[in-house]
Amino acid sequence: MESSILSINPHSNTKTACSAHGTAAACTPLIADVVLRDAGSDHVEWAVCARWLRENSDATIWLNKHPDAAARLGPV
């Protein structure tokens, strides 16, 4: 299923485990909330760790195109 990133913001929701890696991976701290759109939904919100932001090519492309949003996250 193809998805597209709508926004990446500093983490502020109540999720405590990385949506990409799950609880077992113990990816902390969570640093961003990513809002996606995919074929099944117009609004999917993930809480993610820095590792996901560094390793996900869509996220790195989005952050490079939105330097203000990237700056709000601090070093990734």
C-alpha atoms as a PDB file:
ATOM      1  CA  MET A   1       0.000   0.000   0.000  1.00  0.00           C
ATOM      2  CA  GLU A   2       1.475   3.321  -1.050  1.00  0.00           C
ATOM      3  CA  SER A   3       1.385   6.176   1.436  1.00  0.00           C
ATOM      4  CA  SER A   4       2.388   9.823   1.413  1.00  0.00           C
ATOM      5  CA  ILE A   5       3.585  11.962   4.303  1.00  0.00           C
ATOM      6  CA  LEU A   6       1.432  15.000   5.020  1.00  0.00           C
ATOM      7  CA  SER A   7       3.353  16.361   8.016  1.00  0.00           C
ATOM      8  CA  ILE A   8       6.098  15.604  10.521  1.00  0.00           C
ATOM      9  CA  ASN A   9       5.912  17.421  13.856  1.00  0.00           C
ATOM     10  CA  PRO A  10       7.647  17.128  17.227  1.00  0.00           C
ATOM     11  CA  HIS A  11       6.144  14.254  19.231  1.00  0.00           C
ATOM     12  CA  SER A  12       3.223  15.393  21.343  1.00  0.00           C
ATOM     13  CA  ASN A  13       0.598  12.652  21.297  1.00  0.00           C
ATOM     14  CA  THR A  14       0.065   9.977  23.959  1.00  0.00           C
ATOM     15  CA  LYS A  15       1.730   7.094  22.127  1.00  0.00           C
ATOM     16  CA  THR A  16       4.666   5.604  24.008  1.00  0.00           C
ATOM     17  CA  ALA A  17       6.007   3.037  21.507  1.00  0.00           C
ATOM     18  CA  CYS A  18       7.449   3.623  18.060  1.00  0.00           C
ATOM     19  CA  SER A  19       4.710   2.947  15.524  1.00  0.00           C
ATOM     20  CA  ALA A  20       7.268   1.627  13.044  1.00  0.00           C
ATOM     21  CA  HIS A  21       9.320  -0.623  15.312  1.00  0.00           C
ATOM     22  CA  GLY A  22       6.873  -1.586  18.070  1.00  0.00           C
ATOM     23  CA  THR A  23       7.281  -1.896  21.816  1.00  0.00           C
ATOM     24  CA  ALA A  24       9.813  -4.747  21.733  1.00  0.00           C
ATOM     25  CA  ALA A  25      12.390  -2.624  19.895  1.00  0.00           C
ATOM     26  CA  ALA A  26      12.394  -0.111  22.771  1.00  0.00           C
ATOM     27  CA  CYS A  27      12.983   2.781  20.372  1.00  0.00           C
ATOM     28  CA  THR A  28      13.018   5.790  22.631  1.00  0.00           C
ATOM     29  CA  PRO A  29      12.697   8.587  22.796  1.00  0.00           C
ATOM     30  CA  LEU A  30       9.920   9.147  20.342  1.00  0.00           C
ATOM     31  CA  ILE A  31      10.730  12.410  18.617  1.00  0.00           C
ATOM     32  CA  ALA A  32       8.116  12.931  15.918  1.00  0.00           C
ATOM     33  CA  ASP A  33       4.486  12.447  14.995  1.00  0.00           C
ATOM     34  CA  VAL A  34       4.103  11.646  11.304  1.00  0.00           C
ATOM     35  CA  VAL A  35       0.756  12.105   9.580  1.00  0.00           C
ATOM     36  CA  LEU A  36       0.304   9.938   6.484  1.00  0.00           C
ATOM     37  CA  ARG A  37      -2.334   9.395   3.851  1.00  0.00           C
ATOM     38  CA  ASP A  38      -2.690   5.987   2.233  1.00  0.00           C
ATOM     39  CA  ALA A  39      -5.196   4.072   0.149  1.00  0.00           C
ATOM     40  CA  GLY A  40      -7.138   3.082   3.263  1.00  0.00           C
ATOM     41  CA  SER A  41      -7.231   6.373   5.157  1.00  0.00           C
ATOM     42  CA  ASP A  42      -6.738  10.101   4.722  1.00  0.00           C
ATOM     43  CA  HIS A  43      -5.191  10.452   8.209  1.00  0.00           C
ATOM     44  CA  VAL A  44      -2.880   7.926   9.839  1.00  0.00           C
ATOM     45  CA  GLU A  45      -0.729   9.201  12.695  1.00  0.00           C
ATOM     46  CA  TRP A  46       2.475   7.475  13.734  1.00  0.00           C
ATOM     47  CA  ALA A  47       4.750   8.300  16.643  1.00  0.00           C
ATOM     48  CA  VAL A  48       8.319   7.553  15.553  1.00  0.00           C
ATOM     49  CA  CYS A  49      11.877   7.467  16.809  1.00  0.00           C
ATOM     50  CA  ALA A  50      14.936   9.162  15.324  1.00  0.00           C
ATOM     51  CA  ARG A  51      16.072   5.859  13.768  1.00  0.00           C
ATOM     52  CA  TRP A  52      12.908   5.683  11.653  1.00  0.00           C
ATOM     53  CA  LEU A  53      13.336   9.282  10.500  1.00  0.00           C
ATOM     54  CA  ARG A  54      16.935   8.571   9.456  1.00  0.00           C
ATOM     55  CA  GLU A  55      16.222   5.238   7.742  1.00  0.00           C
ATOM     56  CA  ASN A  56      12.915   5.936   6.001  1.00  0.00           C
ATOM     57  CA  SER A  57      13.622   7.414   2.584  1.00  0.00           C
ATOM     58  CA  ASP A  58      10.199   9.090   2.329  1.00  0.00           C
ATOM     59  CA  ALA A  59      10.788  10.809   5.684  1.00  0.00           C
ATOM     60  CA  THR A  60      14.256  12.044   4.750  1.00  0.00           C
ATOM     61  CA  ILE A  61      12.962  13.395   1.424  1.00  0.00           C
ATOM     62  CA  TRP A  62      10.026  15.107   3.156  1.00  0.00           C
ATOM     63  CA  LEU A  63      12.264  16.664   5.825  1.00  0.00           C
ATOM     64  CA  ASN A  64      14.710  17.916   3.177  1.00  0.00           C
ATOM     65  CA  LYS A  65      11.798  19.609   1.378  1.00  0.00           C
ATOM     66  CA  HIS A  66      10.476  21.102   4.659  1.00  0.00           C
ATOM     67  CA  PRO A  67      13.527  22.515   6.487  1.00  0.00           C
ATOM     68  CA  ASP A  68      11.398  24.476   8.981  1.00  0.00           C
ATOM     69  CA  ALA A  69       9.719  21.263  10.146  1.00  0.00           C
ATOM     70  CA  ALA A  70      13.094  19.510  10.284  1.00  0.00           C
ATOM     71  CA  ALA A  71      14.523  22.323  12.414  1.00  0.00           C
ATOM     72  CA  ARG A  72      11.675  21.945  14.937  1.00  0.00           C
ATOM     73  CA  LEU A  73      12.721  18.315  15.482  1.00  0.00           C
ATOM     74  CA  GLY A  74      16.324  19.156  16.301  1.00  0.00           C
ATOM     75  CA  PRO A  75      19.119  16.717  15.425  1.00  0.00           C
ATOM     76  CA  VAL A  76      17.843  13.397  14.087  1.00  0.00           C
END
